[in-house]
N, C-alpha and C. Protein backbone atom coordinates (compact mmCIF):
# COMPACT_ATOMS: atom_id res chain seq x y z
N MET A 1 -33.28 -68.28 25.78
CA MET A 1 -33.50 -67.97 27.18
C MET A 1 -32.52 -68.78 28.01
N ALA A 2 -32.27 -68.27 29.20
CA ALA A 2 -31.33 -68.93 30.09
C ALA A 2 -31.95 -69.09 31.47
N CYS A 3 -31.29 -69.89 32.27
CA CYS A 3 -31.72 -70.08 33.65
C CYS A 3 -31.61 -68.75 34.41
N ARG A 4 -32.64 -68.41 35.12
CA ARG A 4 -32.68 -67.14 35.86
C ARG A 4 -32.65 -67.34 37.37
N CYS A 5 -32.35 -68.55 37.83
CA CYS A 5 -32.39 -68.85 39.26
C CYS A 5 -31.53 -67.89 40.08
N ASN A 6 -30.29 -67.65 39.63
CA ASN A 6 -29.41 -66.73 40.37
C ASN A 6 -29.93 -65.29 40.33
N ASP A 7 -30.46 -64.89 39.16
CA ASP A 7 -31.03 -63.55 39.04
C ASP A 7 -32.22 -63.37 39.97
N ILE A 8 -33.04 -64.39 40.06
CA ILE A 8 -34.22 -64.35 40.92
C ILE A 8 -33.80 -64.23 42.38
N ALA A 9 -32.82 -65.02 42.77
CA ALA A 9 -32.34 -64.97 44.16
C ALA A 9 -31.78 -63.58 44.48
N ALA A 10 -31.05 -62.99 43.57
CA ALA A 10 -30.49 -61.65 43.79
C ALA A 10 -31.61 -60.62 43.89
N ALA A 11 -32.59 -60.73 43.02
CA ALA A 11 -33.71 -59.78 43.04
C ALA A 11 -34.54 -59.94 44.31
N GLU A 12 -34.72 -61.18 44.75
CA GLU A 12 -35.46 -61.40 46.00
C GLU A 12 -34.72 -60.80 47.19
N HIS A 13 -33.40 -60.88 47.16
CA HIS A 13 -32.59 -60.24 48.21
C HIS A 13 -32.80 -58.72 48.16
N ASP A 14 -32.74 -58.16 46.96
CA ASP A 14 -32.97 -56.72 46.80
C ASP A 14 -34.35 -56.33 47.32
N ARG A 15 -35.34 -57.18 47.05
CA ARG A 15 -36.70 -56.91 47.53
C ARG A 15 -36.73 -56.84 49.05
N GLU A 16 -36.05 -57.77 49.71
CA GLU A 16 -36.02 -57.76 51.18
C GLU A 16 -35.32 -56.51 51.70
N VAL A 17 -34.25 -56.09 51.02
CA VAL A 17 -33.55 -54.87 51.42
C VAL A 17 -34.48 -53.67 51.30
N MET A 18 -35.23 -53.61 50.20
CA MET A 18 -36.15 -52.49 50.00
C MET A 18 -37.28 -52.51 51.02
N ARG A 19 -37.77 -53.68 51.35
CA ARG A 19 -38.82 -53.76 52.38
C ARG A 19 -38.29 -53.28 53.72
N ASP A 20 -37.04 -53.63 54.02
CA ASP A 20 -36.41 -53.16 55.25
C ASP A 20 -36.28 -51.64 55.22
N MET A 21 -35.89 -51.10 54.06
CA MET A 21 -35.79 -49.65 53.92
C MET A 21 -37.14 -48.99 54.19
N LEU A 22 -38.18 -49.56 53.62
CA LEU A 22 -39.51 -49.00 53.80
C LEU A 22 -39.93 -49.05 55.26
N ASP A 23 -39.62 -50.15 55.95
CA ASP A 23 -39.92 -50.23 57.38
C ASP A 23 -39.18 -49.16 58.16
N ARG A 24 -37.93 -48.93 57.81
CA ARG A 24 -37.14 -47.91 58.50
C ARG A 24 -37.69 -46.51 58.22
N ILE A 25 -38.13 -46.29 56.98
CA ILE A 25 -38.72 -44.99 56.64
C ILE A 25 -39.99 -44.77 57.46
N CYS A 26 -40.80 -45.80 57.59
CA CYS A 26 -42.04 -45.68 58.37
C CYS A 26 -41.72 -45.40 59.84
N ASP A 27 -40.68 -46.07 60.38
CA ASP A 27 -40.27 -45.79 61.75
C ASP A 27 -39.81 -44.35 61.89
N THR A 28 -39.04 -43.89 60.92
CA THR A 28 -38.56 -42.50 60.94
C THR A 28 -39.73 -41.53 60.85
N GLU A 29 -40.69 -41.86 60.02
CA GLU A 29 -41.87 -41.01 59.87
C GLU A 29 -42.62 -40.92 61.20
N ASN A 30 -42.75 -42.03 61.90
CA ASN A 30 -43.43 -42.02 63.20
C ASN A 30 -42.68 -41.14 64.20
N ARG A 31 -41.35 -41.28 64.23
CA ARG A 31 -40.57 -40.43 65.14
C ARG A 31 -40.70 -38.96 64.74
N TYR A 32 -40.70 -38.70 63.44
CA TYR A 32 -40.86 -37.32 62.97
C TYR A 32 -42.22 -36.76 63.40
N ASN A 33 -43.26 -37.57 63.31
CA ASN A 33 -44.58 -37.11 63.73
C ASN A 33 -44.60 -36.75 65.21
N GLU A 34 -43.87 -37.52 66.02
CA GLU A 34 -43.77 -37.18 67.44
C GLU A 34 -43.09 -35.82 67.63
N ILE A 35 -42.04 -35.58 66.87
CA ILE A 35 -41.33 -34.29 66.94
C ILE A 35 -42.25 -33.17 66.48
N ARG A 36 -42.97 -33.42 65.39
CA ARG A 36 -43.89 -32.41 64.87
C ARG A 36 -44.94 -32.03 65.92
N ASN A 37 -45.43 -33.03 66.64
CA ASN A 37 -46.41 -32.75 67.69
C ASN A 37 -45.79 -31.92 68.80
N ARG A 38 -44.52 -32.18 69.09
CA ARG A 38 -43.83 -31.37 70.10
C ARG A 38 -43.69 -29.93 69.63
N TYR A 39 -43.42 -29.74 68.32
CA TYR A 39 -43.38 -28.39 67.78
C TYR A 39 -44.70 -27.67 68.03
N GLY A 40 -45.79 -28.39 67.86
CA GLY A 40 -47.10 -27.80 68.11
C GLY A 40 -47.23 -27.35 69.56
N ASP A 41 -46.72 -28.17 70.47
CA ASP A 41 -46.75 -27.78 71.88
C ASP A 41 -45.90 -26.55 72.13
N ILE A 42 -44.75 -26.49 71.49
CA ILE A 42 -43.87 -25.32 71.64
C ILE A 42 -44.56 -24.07 71.12
N ILE A 43 -45.20 -24.19 69.96
CA ILE A 43 -45.90 -23.04 69.39
C ILE A 43 -46.99 -22.55 70.34
N ASN A 44 -47.75 -23.47 70.89
CA ASN A 44 -48.81 -23.08 71.82
C ASN A 44 -48.24 -22.41 73.06
N THR A 45 -47.14 -22.95 73.57
CA THR A 45 -46.51 -22.35 74.75
C THR A 45 -45.99 -20.95 74.42
N MET A 46 -45.39 -20.82 73.24
CA MET A 46 -44.88 -19.51 72.83
C MET A 46 -46.01 -18.51 72.73
N GLY A 47 -47.13 -18.97 72.20
CA GLY A 47 -48.27 -18.07 72.05
C GLY A 47 -48.81 -17.59 73.38
N MET A 48 -48.65 -18.40 74.40
CA MET A 48 -49.13 -18.02 75.73
C MET A 48 -48.13 -17.16 76.49
N ALA A 49 -46.89 -17.11 76.01
CA ALA A 49 -45.87 -16.33 76.71
C ALA A 49 -46.20 -14.84 76.60
N ILE A 50 -46.19 -14.18 77.72
CA ILE A 50 -46.56 -12.75 77.76
C ILE A 50 -45.55 -11.89 77.04
N PHE A 51 -44.27 -12.22 77.14
CA PHE A 51 -43.24 -11.34 76.59
C PHE A 51 -43.08 -11.44 75.08
N LEU A 52 -43.71 -12.39 74.44
CA LEU A 52 -43.53 -12.58 73.01
C LEU A 52 -44.49 -11.68 72.23
N LEU A 53 -43.95 -10.90 71.35
CA LEU A 53 -44.77 -10.03 70.51
C LEU A 53 -45.48 -10.87 69.44
N GLU A 54 -46.62 -10.40 69.01
CA GLU A 54 -47.41 -11.15 68.04
C GLU A 54 -46.66 -11.41 66.75
N ASP A 55 -45.91 -10.44 66.25
CA ASP A 55 -45.14 -10.63 65.01
C ASP A 55 -44.08 -11.70 65.17
N GLU A 56 -43.40 -11.71 66.32
CA GLU A 56 -42.38 -12.72 66.58
C GLU A 56 -43.02 -14.11 66.65
N TYR A 57 -44.14 -14.19 67.31
CA TYR A 57 -44.86 -15.45 67.42
C TYR A 57 -45.28 -15.97 66.05
N ASN A 58 -45.89 -15.09 65.26
CA ASN A 58 -46.34 -15.49 63.93
C ASN A 58 -45.18 -15.90 63.03
N SER A 59 -44.06 -15.20 63.14
CA SER A 59 -42.88 -15.53 62.34
C SER A 59 -42.33 -16.90 62.73
N ALA A 60 -42.20 -17.16 64.02
CA ALA A 60 -41.69 -18.45 64.50
C ALA A 60 -42.64 -19.57 64.09
N LYS A 61 -43.93 -19.33 64.26
CA LYS A 61 -44.93 -20.34 63.91
C LYS A 61 -44.86 -20.66 62.42
N GLN A 62 -44.73 -19.64 61.59
CA GLN A 62 -44.66 -19.85 60.14
C GLN A 62 -43.42 -20.64 59.74
N ARG A 63 -42.27 -20.33 60.34
CA ARG A 63 -41.04 -21.07 60.04
C ARG A 63 -41.18 -22.54 60.40
N ILE A 64 -41.75 -22.79 61.55
CA ILE A 64 -41.93 -24.18 61.98
C ILE A 64 -42.91 -24.90 61.07
N GLU A 65 -44.01 -24.26 60.74
CA GLU A 65 -45.00 -24.89 59.85
C GLU A 65 -44.42 -25.16 58.47
N ASN A 66 -43.59 -24.24 57.97
CA ASN A 66 -42.96 -24.44 56.66
C ASN A 66 -41.98 -25.61 56.71
N THR A 67 -41.21 -25.69 57.78
CA THR A 67 -40.27 -26.80 57.94
C THR A 67 -41.01 -28.13 58.01
N VAL A 68 -42.09 -28.17 58.76
CA VAL A 68 -42.90 -29.38 58.88
C VAL A 68 -43.43 -29.79 57.51
N ALA A 69 -43.94 -28.84 56.75
CA ALA A 69 -44.50 -29.15 55.43
C ALA A 69 -43.44 -29.72 54.49
N VAL A 70 -42.26 -29.14 54.51
CA VAL A 70 -41.17 -29.61 53.64
C VAL A 70 -40.75 -31.02 54.05
N GLN A 71 -40.58 -31.25 55.34
CA GLN A 71 -40.15 -32.57 55.81
C GLN A 71 -41.20 -33.63 55.51
N GLU A 72 -42.46 -33.32 55.73
CA GLU A 72 -43.52 -34.29 55.44
C GLU A 72 -43.56 -34.62 53.95
N ASP A 73 -43.36 -33.62 53.11
CA ASP A 73 -43.36 -33.82 51.67
C ASP A 73 -42.18 -34.70 51.26
N ASP A 74 -41.00 -34.45 51.85
CA ASP A 74 -39.82 -35.26 51.55
C ASP A 74 -40.04 -36.72 51.95
N ILE A 75 -40.61 -36.94 53.13
CA ILE A 75 -40.88 -38.30 53.59
C ILE A 75 -41.88 -38.99 52.65
N ARG A 76 -42.93 -38.29 52.30
CA ARG A 76 -43.96 -38.83 51.40
C ARG A 76 -43.36 -39.20 50.03
N LYS A 77 -42.51 -38.31 49.49
CA LYS A 77 -41.89 -38.58 48.19
C LYS A 77 -40.96 -39.79 48.26
N TYR A 78 -40.19 -39.89 49.34
CA TYR A 78 -39.25 -41.00 49.46
C TYR A 78 -40.00 -42.33 49.62
N LYS A 79 -41.06 -42.32 50.41
CA LYS A 79 -41.86 -43.53 50.56
C LYS A 79 -42.46 -43.93 49.22
N SER A 80 -42.93 -42.97 48.47
CA SER A 80 -43.51 -43.26 47.15
C SER A 80 -42.44 -43.84 46.22
N TYR A 81 -41.26 -43.27 46.25
CA TYR A 81 -40.15 -43.76 45.42
C TYR A 81 -39.83 -45.22 45.77
N ILE A 82 -39.72 -45.52 47.07
CA ILE A 82 -39.40 -46.88 47.49
C ILE A 82 -40.54 -47.83 47.11
N ASN A 83 -41.78 -47.41 47.32
CA ASN A 83 -42.93 -48.26 46.94
C ASN A 83 -42.95 -48.54 45.44
N ASN A 84 -42.68 -47.52 44.64
CA ASN A 84 -42.65 -47.71 43.18
C ASN A 84 -41.51 -48.64 42.78
N SER A 85 -40.34 -48.45 43.40
CA SER A 85 -39.20 -49.31 43.10
C SER A 85 -39.50 -50.74 43.50
N LEU A 86 -40.14 -50.91 44.64
CA LEU A 86 -40.50 -52.24 45.11
C LEU A 86 -41.49 -52.90 44.17
N SER A 87 -42.46 -52.15 43.70
CA SER A 87 -43.44 -52.68 42.75
C SER A 87 -42.76 -53.09 41.44
N ASN A 88 -41.86 -52.25 40.95
CA ASN A 88 -41.12 -52.59 39.72
C ASN A 88 -40.29 -53.85 39.91
N LEU A 89 -39.68 -53.98 41.08
CA LEU A 89 -38.87 -55.16 41.36
C LEU A 89 -39.75 -56.41 41.44
N GLU A 90 -40.91 -56.29 42.06
CA GLU A 90 -41.85 -57.42 42.12
C GLU A 90 -42.23 -57.87 40.70
N ASN A 91 -42.50 -56.91 39.83
CA ASN A 91 -42.84 -57.24 38.44
C ASN A 91 -41.68 -57.92 37.74
N LYS A 92 -40.47 -57.43 37.98
CA LYS A 92 -39.28 -58.02 37.37
C LYS A 92 -39.08 -59.45 37.85
N ILE A 93 -39.27 -59.68 39.15
CA ILE A 93 -39.13 -61.04 39.69
C ILE A 93 -40.15 -61.97 39.04
N SER A 94 -41.38 -61.50 38.90
CA SER A 94 -42.43 -62.33 38.27
C SER A 94 -42.05 -62.69 36.84
N ARG A 95 -41.55 -61.72 36.09
CA ARG A 95 -41.13 -62.00 34.70
C ARG A 95 -39.98 -63.01 34.68
N MET A 96 -39.00 -62.82 35.57
CA MET A 96 -37.87 -63.75 35.61
C MET A 96 -38.31 -65.15 36.00
N GLU A 97 -39.25 -65.25 36.93
CA GLU A 97 -39.76 -66.58 37.33
C GLU A 97 -40.46 -67.27 36.18
N ARG A 98 -41.27 -66.52 35.44
CA ARG A 98 -41.95 -67.11 34.28
C ARG A 98 -40.93 -67.58 33.23
N GLU A 99 -39.93 -66.73 32.98
CA GLU A 99 -38.89 -67.07 32.02
C GLU A 99 -38.11 -68.30 32.50
N ASP A 100 -37.80 -68.35 33.79
CA ASP A 100 -37.05 -69.46 34.35
C ASP A 100 -37.85 -70.76 34.28
N GLU A 101 -39.14 -70.67 34.59
CA GLU A 101 -40.00 -71.86 34.50
C GLU A 101 -40.04 -72.38 33.07
N TRP A 102 -40.18 -71.47 32.11
CA TRP A 102 -40.21 -71.86 30.71
C TRP A 102 -38.89 -72.52 30.32
N PHE A 103 -37.78 -71.92 30.74
CA PHE A 103 -36.46 -72.47 30.41
C PHE A 103 -36.31 -73.88 30.95
N HIS A 104 -36.65 -74.06 32.24
CA HIS A 104 -36.47 -75.38 32.85
C HIS A 104 -37.46 -76.41 32.27
N ALA A 105 -38.63 -75.97 31.89
CA ALA A 105 -39.60 -76.90 31.29
C ALA A 105 -39.10 -77.36 29.92
N HIS A 106 -38.49 -76.48 29.17
CA HIS A 106 -38.01 -76.84 27.83
C HIS A 106 -36.59 -77.39 27.85
N ASP A 107 -35.86 -77.12 28.90
CA ASP A 107 -34.50 -77.64 29.05
C ASP A 107 -34.54 -79.15 29.25
N ASP A 108 -35.58 -79.63 29.93
CA ASP A 108 -35.72 -81.07 30.18
C ASP A 108 -36.02 -81.84 28.89
N ASP A 109 -36.55 -81.14 27.90
CA ASP A 109 -36.90 -81.78 26.63
C ASP A 109 -35.68 -82.20 25.83
N ASP A 110 -34.55 -81.51 26.07
CA ASP A 110 -33.34 -81.78 25.28
C ASP A 110 -32.69 -83.07 25.59
């Protein structure tokens, strides 16, 4: 076994980068939710418009709802990916710390 101090520091940096990514994803998700709510307002306004035929309204509403569903799914998948990667990195850091502690404890014996 070898000293893992540098590896641990690099992994901790990666962890901070991933946490920052997750924060940015959550901010983006919040902004997206605001846009989605505006789409809902647009749909309601369109539905109240006298000149819009029912088929046109239903078609526009369906396209918007499909787009919303796809975007929400993409955001959810990416957040899950980042969370899983972060969890794996946390586990890796813990293993490296244990290995490093063992190395330094036995290195002093020499």
